[in-house]
Amino acid sequence: MMVTYAGDKEGARKKIVRKLKEVGLKNVLIGGIKKVRYMQMINKYHFDTWHLSPYEWKEYAQVCVRYLNSHDCKTVVDIGCGLGEILQHIKADKKIGLDLQEEVIQAARELNSGEIDFVVGSFGELIENPIDYLITLNFMHGGTEAEWMEIYHTAADQNEVGHFVVDTVPEKAFDSATHSLDWSKILPDNYKRIKRLGPFLSGRYVEIWERQ
């Protein structure tokens, strides 16, 4: 027998109302259908449930895609691509998705057409040159600015990255280990922030940094 609590129901109701306000009824419904499909993929490939939240439920991802599609994107790389949903919606000549979890890359290949190259890996496997837009969203907030600086400097130098697409969230937005990152302290000095999109849910902003 399953026991439910009024607090659980109230929390779920508030979550649905918040999501309706954020992305609208159509996106909530489409995302719900896709989530069922993603559950099937999890049962098949056994990747993290972290990847269950669909693109239609993420306003920040949709706004990011609209921004990129309004600019000239020849080569776009997404590190931490998950199931590849952001790349799926971006118009670019070449699209590459990297993720450390082999199982999620297998699922991404099944869910997407051959227009996207999916690779198991992260910054160390980044060998594309040049890159118009390098997307790194959502996964960086567990590290500090000092921990990320060398990694992003190396990526910028070795791959001629024209733009970095990154995000910021408030300190401890998700848990005590969540860091609010100042990208001016992480990226090389020859990058300038040209756009800040948001705010989105949980105080998130998406930032576009351009090589000068």
N, C-alpha and C. Protein backbone atom coordinates (compact mmCIF):
# COMPACT_ATOMS: atom_id res chain seq x y z
N MET A 1 0.84 -1.19 0.00
CA MET A 1 0.00 0.00 0.00
C MET A 1 0.88 1.24 0.00
N MET A 2 0.64 2.18 -0.93
CA MET A 2 1.43 3.40 -1.02
C MET A 2 0.81 4.48 -0.15
N VAL A 3 1.63 5.07 0.70
CA VAL A 3 1.18 6.15 1.56
C VAL A 3 1.57 7.48 0.94
N THR A 4 0.62 8.39 0.80
CA THR A 4 0.90 9.72 0.26
C THR A 4 0.61 10.75 1.32
N TYR A 5 1.25 11.85 1.22
CA TYR A 5 1.12 12.92 2.20
C TYR A 5 0.63 14.18 1.52
N ALA A 6 -0.14 14.96 2.27
CA ALA A 6 -0.67 16.21 1.72
C ALA A 6 0.45 17.11 1.24
N GLY A 7 1.58 17.09 1.98
CA GLY A 7 2.72 17.92 1.59
C GLY A 7 3.29 17.52 0.25
N ASP A 8 3.31 16.19 -0.03
CA ASP A 8 3.80 15.70 -1.31
C ASP A 8 2.92 16.19 -2.44
N LYS A 9 1.60 16.09 -2.24
CA LYS A 9 0.65 16.52 -3.27
C LYS A 9 0.74 18.02 -3.50
N GLU A 10 0.87 18.77 -2.41
CA GLU A 10 0.97 20.23 -2.53
C GLU A 10 2.25 20.63 -3.25
N GLY A 11 3.33 19.93 -2.94
CA GLY A 11 4.60 20.22 -3.61
C GLY A 11 4.53 19.92 -5.09
N ALA A 12 3.88 18.80 -5.43
CA ALA A 12 3.73 18.44 -6.84
C ALA A 12 2.85 19.45 -7.57
N ARG A 13 1.79 19.89 -6.90
CA ARG A 13 0.89 20.87 -7.52
C ARG A 13 1.63 22.18 -7.79
N LYS A 14 2.40 22.64 -6.83
CA LYS A 14 3.16 23.88 -7.01
C LYS A 14 4.18 23.75 -8.14
N LYS A 15 4.78 22.58 -8.24
CA LYS A 15 5.76 22.35 -9.30
C LYS A 15 5.11 22.43 -10.67
N ILE A 16 3.91 21.84 -10.80
CA ILE A 16 3.19 21.87 -12.07
C ILE A 16 2.78 23.29 -12.42
N VAL A 17 2.25 24.02 -11.44
CA VAL A 17 1.84 25.41 -11.68
C VAL A 17 3.03 26.26 -12.10
N ARG A 18 4.16 26.08 -11.43
CA ARG A 18 5.37 26.84 -11.77
C ARG A 18 5.83 26.52 -13.18
N LYS A 19 5.78 25.24 -13.55
CA LYS A 19 6.21 24.84 -14.89
C LYS A 19 5.27 25.37 -15.95
N LEU A 20 3.96 25.39 -15.67
CA LEU A 20 2.99 25.95 -16.61
C LEU A 20 3.27 27.43 -16.86
N LYS A 21 3.58 28.15 -15.80
CA LYS A 21 3.89 29.58 -15.94
C LYS A 21 5.18 29.79 -16.72
N GLU A 22 6.11 28.89 -16.52
CA GLU A 22 7.43 29.06 -17.13
C GLU A 22 7.42 28.75 -18.63
N VAL A 23 6.82 27.63 -19.02
CA VAL A 23 6.95 27.18 -20.42
C VAL A 23 5.62 27.03 -21.14
N GLY A 24 4.48 27.10 -20.44
CA GLY A 24 3.18 26.99 -21.10
C GLY A 24 2.66 25.57 -21.17
N LEU A 25 1.34 25.46 -21.38
CA LEU A 25 0.67 24.16 -21.36
C LEU A 25 1.18 23.24 -22.46
N LYS A 26 1.35 23.76 -23.68
CA LYS A 26 1.78 22.92 -24.80
C LYS A 26 3.12 22.26 -24.51
N ASN A 27 4.08 23.03 -24.02
CA ASN A 27 5.40 22.47 -23.72
C ASN A 27 5.35 21.48 -22.56
N VAL A 28 4.48 21.74 -21.58
CA VAL A 28 4.34 20.81 -20.46
C VAL A 28 3.83 19.46 -20.96
N LEU A 29 2.85 19.49 -21.85
CA LEU A 29 2.28 18.24 -22.38
C LEU A 29 3.27 17.50 -23.27
N ILE A 30 3.93 18.23 -24.19
CA ILE A 30 4.91 17.59 -25.07
C ILE A 30 6.05 17.00 -24.25
N GLY A 31 6.51 17.78 -23.27
CA GLY A 31 7.58 17.29 -22.41
C GLY A 31 7.19 16.06 -21.62
N GLY A 32 5.94 16.00 -21.19
CA GLY A 32 5.46 14.83 -20.46
C GLY A 32 5.49 13.58 -21.31
N ILE A 33 5.10 13.72 -22.58
CA ILE A 33 5.14 12.58 -23.51
C ILE A 33 6.58 12.13 -23.73
N LYS A 34 7.49 13.10 -23.92
CA LYS A 34 8.89 12.76 -24.14
C LYS A 34 9.51 12.10 -22.91
N LYS A 35 9.07 12.52 -21.73
CA LYS A 35 9.63 11.95 -20.51
C LYS A 35 9.31 10.46 -20.41
N VAL A 36 8.14 10.06 -20.89
CA VAL A 36 7.79 8.63 -20.91
C VAL A 36 8.77 7.88 -21.80
N ARG A 37 9.09 8.47 -22.96
CA ARG A 37 10.06 7.86 -23.88
C ARG A 37 11.44 7.78 -23.23
N TYR A 38 11.81 8.82 -22.50
CA TYR A 38 13.12 8.82 -21.85
C TYR A 38 13.20 7.79 -20.73
N MET A 39 12.08 7.53 -20.07
CA MET A 39 12.05 6.47 -19.06
C MET A 39 12.33 5.12 -19.71
N GLN A 40 11.80 4.93 -20.91
CA GLN A 40 12.08 3.70 -21.65
C GLN A 40 13.57 3.58 -21.97
N MET A 41 14.18 4.72 -22.32
CA MET A 41 15.61 4.74 -22.61
C MET A 41 16.44 4.42 -21.36
N ILE A 42 15.99 4.93 -20.22
CA ILE A 42 16.70 4.63 -18.96
C ILE A 42 16.62 3.14 -18.65
N ASN A 43 15.46 2.54 -18.86
CA ASN A 43 15.31 1.10 -18.61
C ASN A 43 16.19 0.29 -19.55
N LYS A 44 16.45 0.83 -20.74
CA LYS A 44 17.26 0.11 -21.73
C LYS A 44 18.75 0.32 -21.51
N TYR A 45 19.15 1.58 -21.24
CA TYR A 45 20.58 1.91 -21.18
C TYR A 45 21.10 2.19 -19.77
N HIS A 46 20.19 2.40 -18.81
CA HIS A 46 20.57 2.56 -17.39
C HIS A 46 21.47 3.78 -17.15
N PHE A 47 21.10 4.92 -17.72
CA PHE A 47 21.83 6.16 -17.45
C PHE A 47 21.14 6.92 -16.32
N ASP A 48 21.77 8.01 -15.88
CA ASP A 48 21.29 8.76 -14.72
C ASP A 48 19.93 9.40 -14.99
N THR A 49 19.07 9.41 -13.97
CA THR A 49 17.76 10.07 -14.09
C THR A 49 17.90 11.59 -14.22
N TRP A 50 19.10 12.10 -13.98
CA TRP A 50 19.41 13.52 -14.20
C TRP A 50 18.95 13.98 -15.58
N HIS A 51 18.97 13.08 -16.56
CA HIS A 51 18.69 13.43 -17.95
C HIS A 51 17.21 13.34 -18.31
N LEU A 52 16.36 13.07 -17.33
CA LEU A 52 14.94 12.86 -17.63
C LEU A 52 14.19 14.14 -18.01
N SER A 53 14.61 15.27 -17.49
CA SER A 53 13.87 16.52 -17.73
C SER A 53 13.99 16.94 -19.19
N PRO A 54 12.88 17.00 -19.93
CA PRO A 54 12.94 17.27 -21.38
C PRO A 54 13.17 18.74 -21.70
N TYR A 55 13.62 18.98 -22.90
CA TYR A 55 13.89 20.33 -23.41
C TYR A 55 12.70 21.25 -23.24
N GLU A 56 11.51 20.75 -23.48
CA GLU A 56 10.30 21.57 -23.41
C GLU A 56 10.03 22.11 -22.01
N TRP A 57 10.63 21.51 -21.00
CA TRP A 57 10.44 21.96 -19.62
C TRP A 57 11.54 22.93 -19.18
N LYS A 58 12.48 23.25 -20.05
CA LYS A 58 13.63 24.09 -19.68
C LYS A 58 13.59 25.39 -20.49
N GLU A 59 13.04 26.42 -19.89
CA GLU A 59 12.95 27.71 -20.59
C GLU A 59 14.33 28.22 -20.98
N TYR A 60 15.32 28.04 -20.10
CA TYR A 60 16.65 28.57 -20.40
C TYR A 60 17.25 27.91 -21.64
N ALA A 61 16.98 26.61 -21.83
CA ALA A 61 17.48 25.91 -23.01
C ALA A 61 16.80 26.42 -24.27
N GLN A 62 15.51 26.66 -24.21
CA GLN A 62 14.77 27.15 -25.37
C GLN A 62 15.23 28.54 -25.77
N VAL A 63 15.43 29.42 -24.80
CA VAL A 63 15.89 30.78 -25.09
C VAL A 63 17.30 30.75 -25.66
N CYS A 64 18.14 29.88 -25.12
CA CYS A 64 19.50 29.72 -25.64
C CYS A 64 19.48 29.29 -27.10
N VAL A 65 18.64 28.33 -27.43
CA VAL A 65 18.53 27.85 -28.81
C VAL A 65 18.06 28.96 -29.74
N ARG A 66 17.07 29.72 -29.31
CA ARG A 66 16.57 30.82 -30.14
C ARG A 66 17.67 31.84 -30.41
N TYR A 67 18.47 32.11 -29.40
CA TYR A 67 19.57 33.06 -29.59
C TYR A 67 20.57 32.53 -30.62
N LEU A 68 21.00 31.30 -30.47
CA LEU A 68 21.98 30.73 -31.39
C LEU A 68 21.44 30.64 -32.81
N ASN A 69 20.16 30.31 -32.94
CA ASN A 69 19.57 30.19 -34.28
C ASN A 69 19.39 31.53 -34.96
N SER A 70 19.52 32.62 -34.22
CA SER A 70 19.46 33.95 -34.83
C SER A 70 20.85 34.44 -35.24
N HIS A 71 21.87 33.60 -35.04
CA HIS A 71 23.24 33.96 -35.40
C HIS A 71 23.83 32.89 -36.33
N ASP A 72 24.97 33.20 -36.89
CA ASP A 72 25.61 32.29 -37.84
C ASP A 72 26.36 31.21 -37.08
N CYS A 73 25.83 30.00 -37.11
CA CYS A 73 26.45 28.88 -36.40
C CYS A 73 26.90 27.83 -37.41
N LYS A 74 28.18 27.73 -37.63
CA LYS A 74 28.69 26.68 -38.51
C LYS A 74 29.01 25.42 -37.72
N THR A 75 29.78 25.59 -36.64
CA THR A 75 30.14 24.45 -35.79
C THR A 75 29.73 24.74 -34.35
N VAL A 76 28.91 23.86 -33.79
CA VAL A 76 28.45 24.00 -32.40
C VAL A 76 28.79 22.72 -31.65
N VAL A 77 29.40 22.86 -30.49
CA VAL A 77 29.74 21.72 -29.65
C VAL A 77 29.06 21.91 -28.29
N ASP A 78 28.45 20.83 -27.79
CA ASP A 78 27.79 20.85 -26.48
C ASP A 78 28.47 19.83 -25.58
N ILE A 79 29.18 20.31 -24.56
CA ILE A 79 29.80 19.42 -23.58
C ILE A 79 28.83 19.21 -22.43
N GLY A 80 28.62 17.94 -22.08
CA GLY A 80 27.56 17.60 -21.13
C GLY A 80 26.22 17.61 -21.83
N CYS A 81 26.20 17.06 -23.05
CA CYS A 81 25.03 17.17 -23.94
C CYS A 81 23.85 16.33 -23.51
N GLY A 82 24.07 15.33 -22.63
CA GLY A 82 22.96 14.47 -22.24
C GLY A 82 22.37 13.76 -23.44
N LEU A 83 21.07 13.86 -23.60
CA LEU A 83 20.37 13.19 -24.70
C LEU A 83 20.39 14.00 -25.99
N GLY A 84 21.10 15.11 -25.99
CA GLY A 84 21.31 15.87 -27.22
C GLY A 84 20.19 16.79 -27.62
N GLU A 85 19.32 17.15 -26.69
CA GLU A 85 18.13 17.92 -27.06
C GLU A 85 18.46 19.33 -27.52
N ILE A 86 19.41 19.99 -26.88
CA ILE A 86 19.76 21.35 -27.31
C ILE A 86 20.31 21.31 -28.73
N LEU A 87 21.22 20.40 -29.00
CA LEU A 87 21.79 20.30 -30.35
C LEU A 87 20.72 19.95 -31.38
N GLN A 88 19.77 19.14 -30.99
CA GLN A 88 18.70 18.75 -31.90
C GLN A 88 17.94 19.96 -32.43
N HIS A 89 17.82 21.01 -31.62
CA HIS A 89 17.03 22.18 -32.00
C HIS A 89 17.87 23.30 -32.60
N ILE A 90 19.19 23.15 -32.61
CA ILE A 90 20.07 24.19 -33.15
C ILE A 90 20.31 23.96 -34.64
N LYS A 91 20.29 25.05 -35.40
CA LYS A 91 20.59 25.00 -36.82
C LYS A 91 22.07 25.31 -37.02
N ALA A 92 22.84 24.32 -37.41
CA ALA A 92 24.28 24.50 -37.62
C ALA A 92 24.76 23.48 -38.64
N ASP A 93 25.86 23.80 -39.32
CA ASP A 93 26.41 22.88 -40.31
C ASP A 93 26.98 21.63 -39.66
N LYS A 94 27.59 21.80 -38.49
CA LYS A 94 28.20 20.67 -37.79
C LYS A 94 27.85 20.76 -36.32
N LYS A 95 27.35 19.66 -35.76
CA LYS A 95 26.94 19.62 -34.36
C LYS A 95 27.56 18.40 -33.68
N ILE A 96 28.23 18.65 -32.55
CA ILE A 96 28.93 17.59 -31.83
C ILE A 96 28.50 17.63 -30.36
N GLY A 97 28.13 16.48 -29.83
CA GLY A 97 27.75 16.39 -28.43
C GLY A 97 28.68 15.45 -27.67
N LEU A 98 29.17 15.90 -26.52
CA LEU A 98 30.02 15.08 -25.68
C LEU A 98 29.39 14.90 -24.30
N ASP A 99 29.49 13.70 -23.76
CA ASP A 99 29.04 13.43 -22.40
C ASP A 99 29.90 12.31 -21.83
N LEU A 100 30.19 12.40 -20.55
CA LEU A 100 31.06 11.41 -19.92
C LEU A 100 30.40 10.05 -19.76
N GLN A 101 29.07 10.01 -19.73
CA GLN A 101 28.36 8.76 -19.48
C GLN A 101 28.08 8.05 -20.80
N GLU A 102 28.74 6.92 -21.00
CA GLU A 102 28.60 6.17 -22.26
C GLU A 102 27.16 5.77 -22.52
N GLU A 103 26.43 5.41 -21.46
CA GLU A 103 25.05 4.95 -21.62
C GLU A 103 24.15 6.05 -22.17
N VAL A 104 24.36 7.28 -21.72
CA VAL A 104 23.51 8.37 -22.20
C VAL A 104 23.86 8.73 -23.65
N ILE A 105 25.12 8.57 -24.03
CA ILE A 105 25.52 8.79 -25.42
C ILE A 105 24.88 7.74 -26.33
N GLN A 106 24.81 6.50 -25.87
CA GLN A 106 24.15 5.45 -26.65
C GLN A 106 22.68 5.79 -26.86
N ALA A 107 22.02 6.28 -25.81
CA ALA A 107 20.61 6.67 -25.92
C ALA A 107 20.46 7.87 -26.85
N ALA A 108 21.37 8.83 -26.76
CA ALA A 108 21.30 10.02 -27.61
C ALA A 108 21.42 9.65 -29.08
N ARG A 109 22.28 8.71 -29.39
CA ARG A 109 22.43 8.27 -30.78
C ARG A 109 21.15 7.62 -31.29
N GLU A 110 20.47 6.89 -30.42
CA GLU A 110 19.22 6.25 -30.84
C GLU A 110 18.10 7.27 -31.01
N LEU A 111 18.08 8.28 -30.16
CA LEU A 111 16.99 9.26 -30.18
C LEU A 111 17.13 10.30 -31.29
N ASN A 112 18.35 10.53 -31.75
CA ASN A 112 18.60 11.60 -32.71
C ASN A 112 19.04 11.04 -34.05
N SER A 113 18.88 11.88 -35.08
CA SER A 113 19.30 11.49 -36.42
C SER A 113 20.82 11.59 -36.52
N GLY A 114 21.36 11.21 -37.68
CA GLY A 114 22.80 11.23 -37.89
C GLY A 114 23.37 12.62 -38.08
N GLU A 115 22.56 13.66 -37.93
CA GLU A 115 23.06 15.02 -38.10
C GLU A 115 23.97 15.45 -36.96
N ILE A 116 23.93 14.73 -35.85
CA ILE A 116 24.73 15.08 -34.67
C ILE A 116 25.75 13.97 -34.42
N ASP A 117 27.02 14.37 -34.22
CA ASP A 117 28.06 13.41 -33.84
C ASP A 117 28.13 13.36 -32.31
N PHE A 118 27.91 12.18 -31.75
CA PHE A 118 27.95 12.02 -30.30
C PHE A 118 29.23 11.28 -29.90
N VAL A 119 29.92 11.82 -28.90
CA VAL A 119 31.21 11.29 -28.47
C VAL A 119 31.20 11.12 -26.95
N VAL A 120 31.71 9.99 -26.47
CA VAL A 120 31.88 9.80 -25.03
C VAL A 120 33.11 10.57 -24.59
N GLY A 121 32.92 11.53 -23.69
CA GLY A 121 34.06 12.30 -23.23
C GLY A 121 33.67 13.68 -22.76
N SER A 122 34.70 14.51 -22.57
CA SER A 122 34.48 15.88 -22.09
C SER A 122 35.52 16.79 -22.74
N PHE A 123 36.06 17.73 -22.01
CA PHE A 123 37.01 18.69 -22.57
C PHE A 123 38.24 17.99 -23.15
N GLY A 124 38.67 16.90 -22.55
CA GLY A 124 39.86 16.21 -23.02
C GLY A 124 39.73 15.62 -24.40
N GLU A 125 38.50 15.35 -24.82
CA GLU A 125 38.25 14.78 -26.15
C GLU A 125 37.87 15.86 -27.17
N LEU A 126 37.99 17.12 -26.78
CA LEU A 126 37.59 18.23 -27.64
C LEU A 126 38.72 18.52 -28.63
N ILE A 127 38.52 18.14 -29.90
CA ILE A 127 39.58 18.31 -30.91
C ILE A 127 39.07 19.06 -32.13
N GLU A 128 37.85 19.59 -32.06
CA GLU A 128 37.28 20.31 -33.20
C GLU A 128 37.88 21.72 -33.27
N ASN A 129 38.18 22.19 -34.48
CA ASN A 129 38.83 23.49 -34.61
C ASN A 129 38.52 24.10 -35.97
N PRO A 130 37.96 25.29 -36.05
CA PRO A 130 37.49 26.12 -34.94
C PRO A 130 36.07 25.74 -34.51
N ILE A 131 35.63 26.33 -33.39
CA ILE A 131 34.28 26.13 -32.87
C ILE A 131 33.61 27.49 -32.78
N ASP A 132 32.47 27.63 -33.41
CA ASP A 132 31.75 28.91 -33.34
C ASP A 132 31.12 29.11 -31.96
N TYR A 133 30.45 28.07 -31.46
CA TYR A 133 29.80 28.16 -30.14
C TYR A 133 30.08 26.88 -29.37
N LEU A 134 30.68 27.02 -28.19
CA LEU A 134 30.91 25.89 -27.29
C LEU A 134 29.96 26.04 -26.10
N ILE A 135 29.01 25.12 -26.00
CA ILE A 135 27.98 25.17 -24.97
C ILE A 135 28.41 24.31 -23.78
N THR A 136 28.39 24.89 -22.60
CA THR A 136 28.62 24.13 -21.36
C THR A 136 27.61 24.63 -20.33
N LEU A 137 26.49 23.97 -20.25
CA LEU A 137 25.41 24.39 -19.37
C LEU A 137 25.13 23.34 -18.29
N ASN A 138 24.89 23.81 -17.08
CA ASN A 138 24.26 23.00 -16.04
C ASN A 138 25.19 22.17 -15.17
N PHE A 139 26.33 21.71 -15.71
CA PHE A 139 27.11 20.74 -14.95
C PHE A 139 28.28 21.36 -14.19
N MET A 140 28.58 22.65 -14.41
CA MET A 140 29.83 23.22 -13.90
C MET A 140 29.73 23.70 -12.46
N HIS A 141 28.53 23.81 -11.93
CA HIS A 141 28.33 24.52 -10.66
C HIS A 141 28.80 23.75 -9.43
N GLY A 142 29.23 22.51 -9.64
CA GLY A 142 29.81 21.76 -8.54
C GLY A 142 31.28 22.06 -8.34
N GLY A 143 31.88 22.82 -9.27
CA GLY A 143 33.29 23.19 -9.17
C GLY A 143 33.47 24.67 -8.90
N THR A 144 34.68 25.05 -8.52
CA THR A 144 34.98 26.45 -8.23
C THR A 144 35.59 27.12 -9.46
N GLU A 145 35.69 28.43 -9.41
CA GLU A 145 36.31 29.18 -10.51
C GLU A 145 37.75 28.75 -10.73
N ALA A 146 38.49 28.54 -9.64
CA ALA A 146 39.89 28.12 -9.75
C ALA A 146 40.01 26.75 -10.41
N GLU A 147 39.07 25.86 -10.11
CA GLU A 147 39.11 24.51 -10.68
C GLU A 147 38.82 24.51 -12.18
N TRP A 148 37.98 25.43 -12.63
CA TRP A 148 37.57 25.45 -14.04
C TRP A 148 38.49 26.28 -14.92
N MET A 149 39.26 27.21 -14.36
CA MET A 149 39.98 28.19 -15.17
C MET A 149 40.93 27.54 -16.18
N GLU A 150 41.78 26.65 -15.73
CA GLU A 150 42.75 26.03 -16.64
C GLU A 150 42.05 25.23 -17.73
N ILE A 151 40.97 24.55 -17.39
CA ILE A 151 40.23 23.73 -18.36
C ILE A 151 39.67 24.60 -19.48
N TYR A 152 39.05 25.72 -19.12
CA TYR A 152 38.46 26.59 -20.14
C TYR A 152 39.53 27.34 -20.93
N HIS A 153 40.63 27.71 -20.29
CA HIS A 153 41.73 28.37 -21.01
C HIS A 153 42.30 27.42 -22.06
N THR A 154 42.50 26.17 -21.69
CA THR A 154 43.03 25.18 -22.63
C THR A 154 42.07 24.96 -23.79
N ALA A 155 40.78 24.85 -23.49
CA ALA A 155 39.78 24.66 -24.55
C ALA A 155 39.78 25.83 -25.51
N ALA A 156 39.88 27.05 -24.99
CA ALA A 156 39.87 28.24 -25.84
C ALA A 156 41.10 28.31 -26.72
N ASP A 157 42.25 27.97 -26.16
CA ASP A 157 43.51 28.07 -26.90
C ASP A 157 43.65 26.99 -27.96
N GLN A 158 43.25 25.77 -27.64
CA GLN A 158 43.47 24.64 -28.54
C GLN A 158 42.41 24.51 -29.62
N ASN A 159 41.26 25.14 -29.45
CA ASN A 159 40.14 24.91 -30.37
C ASN A 159 39.60 26.17 -31.03
N GLU A 160 40.23 27.31 -30.82
CA GLU A 160 39.78 28.56 -31.42
C GLU A 160 38.27 28.74 -31.22
N VAL A 161 37.87 28.79 -29.98
CA VAL A 161 36.45 28.92 -29.64
C VAL A 161 36.02 30.37 -29.85
N GLY A 162 35.05 30.58 -30.74
CA GLY A 162 34.54 31.92 -30.99
C GLY A 162 33.67 32.44 -29.87
N HIS A 163 32.83 31.55 -29.33
CA HIS A 163 31.90 31.94 -28.26
C HIS A 163 31.77 30.81 -27.25
N PHE A 164 31.71 31.16 -25.98
CA PHE A 164 31.32 30.22 -24.94
C PHE A 164 29.88 30.53 -24.52
N VAL A 165 29.08 29.49 -24.38
CA VAL A 165 27.71 29.62 -23.87
C VAL A 165 27.69 28.94 -22.50
N VAL A 166 27.53 29.73 -21.44
CA VAL A 166 27.64 29.22 -20.08
C VAL A 166 26.44 29.72 -19.27
N ASP A 167 26.31 29.24 -18.04
CA ASP A 167 25.23 29.74 -17.20
C ASP A 167 25.71 29.99 -15.78
N THR A 168 24.93 30.79 -15.06
CA THR A 168 25.21 31.08 -13.66
C THR A 168 23.95 30.81 -12.85
N VAL A 169 24.15 30.40 -11.63
CA VAL A 169 23.04 30.23 -10.68
C VAL A 169 23.48 30.83 -9.35
N PRO A 170 22.54 31.18 -8.47
CA PRO A 170 22.93 31.72 -7.16
C PRO A 170 23.71 30.70 -6.33
N GLU A 171 24.55 31.20 -5.45
CA GLU A 171 25.31 30.33 -4.55
C GLU A 171 24.34 29.44 -3.76
N LYS A 172 24.64 28.14 -3.73
CA LYS A 172 23.85 27.13 -3.01
C LYS A 172 22.40 27.07 -3.52
N ALA A 173 22.21 27.33 -4.81
CA ALA A 173 20.86 27.32 -5.38
C ALA A 173 20.22 25.95 -5.31
N PHE A 174 21.01 24.90 -5.49
CA PHE A 174 20.47 23.53 -5.50
C PHE A 174 20.85 22.75 -4.26
N ASP A 175 22.07 22.96 -3.77
CA ASP A 175 22.52 22.34 -2.52
C ASP A 175 23.73 23.12 -2.02
N SER A 176 24.30 22.68 -0.92
CA SER A 176 25.40 23.41 -0.30
C SER A 176 26.66 23.41 -1.15
N ALA A 177 26.74 22.49 -2.13
CA ALA A 177 27.93 22.40 -2.98
C ALA A 177 27.80 23.19 -4.27
N THR A 178 26.68 23.89 -4.46
CA THR A 178 26.47 24.66 -5.69
C THR A 178 27.20 25.99 -5.62
N HIS A 179 28.01 26.28 -6.66
CA HIS A 179 28.77 27.52 -6.70
C HIS A 179 28.18 28.48 -7.73
N SER A 180 28.15 29.74 -7.37
CA SER A 180 27.79 30.80 -8.33
C SER A 180 29.07 31.26 -9.00
N LEU A 181 29.22 30.97 -10.29
CA LEU A 181 30.49 31.19 -10.98
C LEU A 181 30.54 32.56 -11.65
N ASP A 182 31.67 33.24 -11.48
CA ASP A 182 31.94 34.50 -12.17
C ASP A 182 32.82 34.16 -13.37
N TRP A 183 32.22 34.19 -14.57
CA TRP A 183 32.94 33.73 -15.75
C TRP A 183 34.05 34.66 -16.19
N SER A 184 34.04 35.90 -15.72
CA SER A 184 35.16 36.80 -16.01
C SER A 184 36.44 36.33 -15.32
N LYS A 185 36.31 35.51 -14.28
CA LYS A 185 37.47 34.96 -13.58
C LYS A 185 37.88 33.59 -14.13
N ILE A 186 37.07 33.01 -14.99
CA ILE A 186 37.34 31.68 -15.53
C ILE A 186 37.87 31.74 -16.96
N LEU A 187 37.21 32.50 -17.81
CA LEU A 187 37.57 32.54 -19.22
C LEU A 187 38.79 33.43 -19.45
N PRO A 188 39.53 33.21 -20.55
CA PRO A 188 40.68 34.07 -20.86
C PRO A 188 40.27 35.54 -20.98
N ASP A 189 41.24 36.42 -20.81
CA ASP A 189 40.97 37.85 -20.80
C ASP A 189 40.46 38.38 -22.14
N ASN A 190 40.71 37.65 -23.22
CA ASN A 190 40.27 38.13 -24.53
C ASN A 190 38.83 37.74 -24.87
N TYR A 191 38.07 37.31 -23.86
CA TYR A 191 36.64 37.04 -24.05
C TYR A 191 35.83 38.10 -23.32
N LYS A 192 34.77 38.55 -23.97
CA LYS A 192 33.90 39.58 -23.41
C LYS A 192 32.46 39.09 -23.42
N ARG A 193 31.75 39.32 -22.33
CA ARG A 193 30.34 38.94 -22.29
C ARG A 193 29.54 39.90 -23.15
N ILE A 194 28.81 39.32 -24.13
CA ILE A 194 28.04 40.16 -25.06
C ILE A 194 26.54 40.02 -24.86
N LYS A 195 26.12 38.99 -24.09
CA LYS A 195 24.68 38.79 -23.89
C LYS A 195 24.45 38.05 -22.58
N ARG A 196 23.41 38.48 -21.87
CA ARG A 196 22.98 37.77 -20.66
C ARG A 196 21.48 37.52 -20.77
N LEU A 197 21.10 36.25 -20.83
CA LEU A 197 19.71 35.85 -21.02
C LEU A 197 19.12 35.39 -19.70
N GLY A 198 17.91 35.84 -19.39
CA GLY A 198 17.27 35.44 -18.14
C GLY A 198 16.66 36.63 -17.43
N PRO A 199 16.28 36.45 -16.16
CA PRO A 199 16.50 35.26 -15.33
C PRO A 199 15.50 34.15 -15.62
N PHE A 200 15.94 32.93 -15.30
CA PHE A 200 15.10 31.75 -15.44
C PHE A 200 14.87 31.13 -14.06
N LEU A 201 14.24 29.96 -14.04
CA LEU A 201 13.93 29.27 -12.80
C LEU A 201 15.19 29.11 -11.94
N SER A 202 15.04 29.29 -10.64
CA SER A 202 16.13 29.17 -9.66
C SER A 202 17.16 30.28 -9.79
N GLY A 203 16.82 31.37 -10.50
CA GLY A 203 17.75 32.48 -10.63
C GLY A 203 18.85 32.25 -11.64
N ARG A 204 18.64 31.34 -12.57
CA ARG A 204 19.65 31.01 -13.58
C ARG A 204 19.71 32.10 -14.66
N TYR A 205 20.92 32.38 -15.13
CA TYR A 205 21.15 33.21 -16.31
C TYR A 205 22.02 32.44 -17.29
N VAL A 206 21.79 32.64 -18.58
CA VAL A 206 22.67 32.10 -19.62
C VAL A 206 23.48 33.26 -20.18
N GLU A 207 24.80 33.07 -20.29
CA GLU A 207 25.69 34.12 -20.76
C GLU A 207 26.41 33.70 -22.03
N ILE A 208 26.57 34.65 -22.95
CA ILE A 208 27.32 34.44 -24.18
C ILE A 208 28.59 35.26 -24.09
N TRP A 209 29.74 34.62 -24.20
CA TRP A 209 31.03 35.28 -24.14
C TRP A 209 31.71 35.13 -25.51
N GLU A 210 32.17 36.25 -26.05
CA GLU A 210 32.72 36.27 -27.41
C GLU A 210 34.22 36.57 -27.39
N ARG A 211 34.93 35.87 -28.25
CA ARG A 211 36.37 36.11 -28.39
C ARG A 211 36.60 37.44 -29.11
N GLN A 212 37.47 38.28 -28.54
CA GLN A 212 37.72 39.61 -29.10
C GLN A 212 38.94 39.60 -30.02
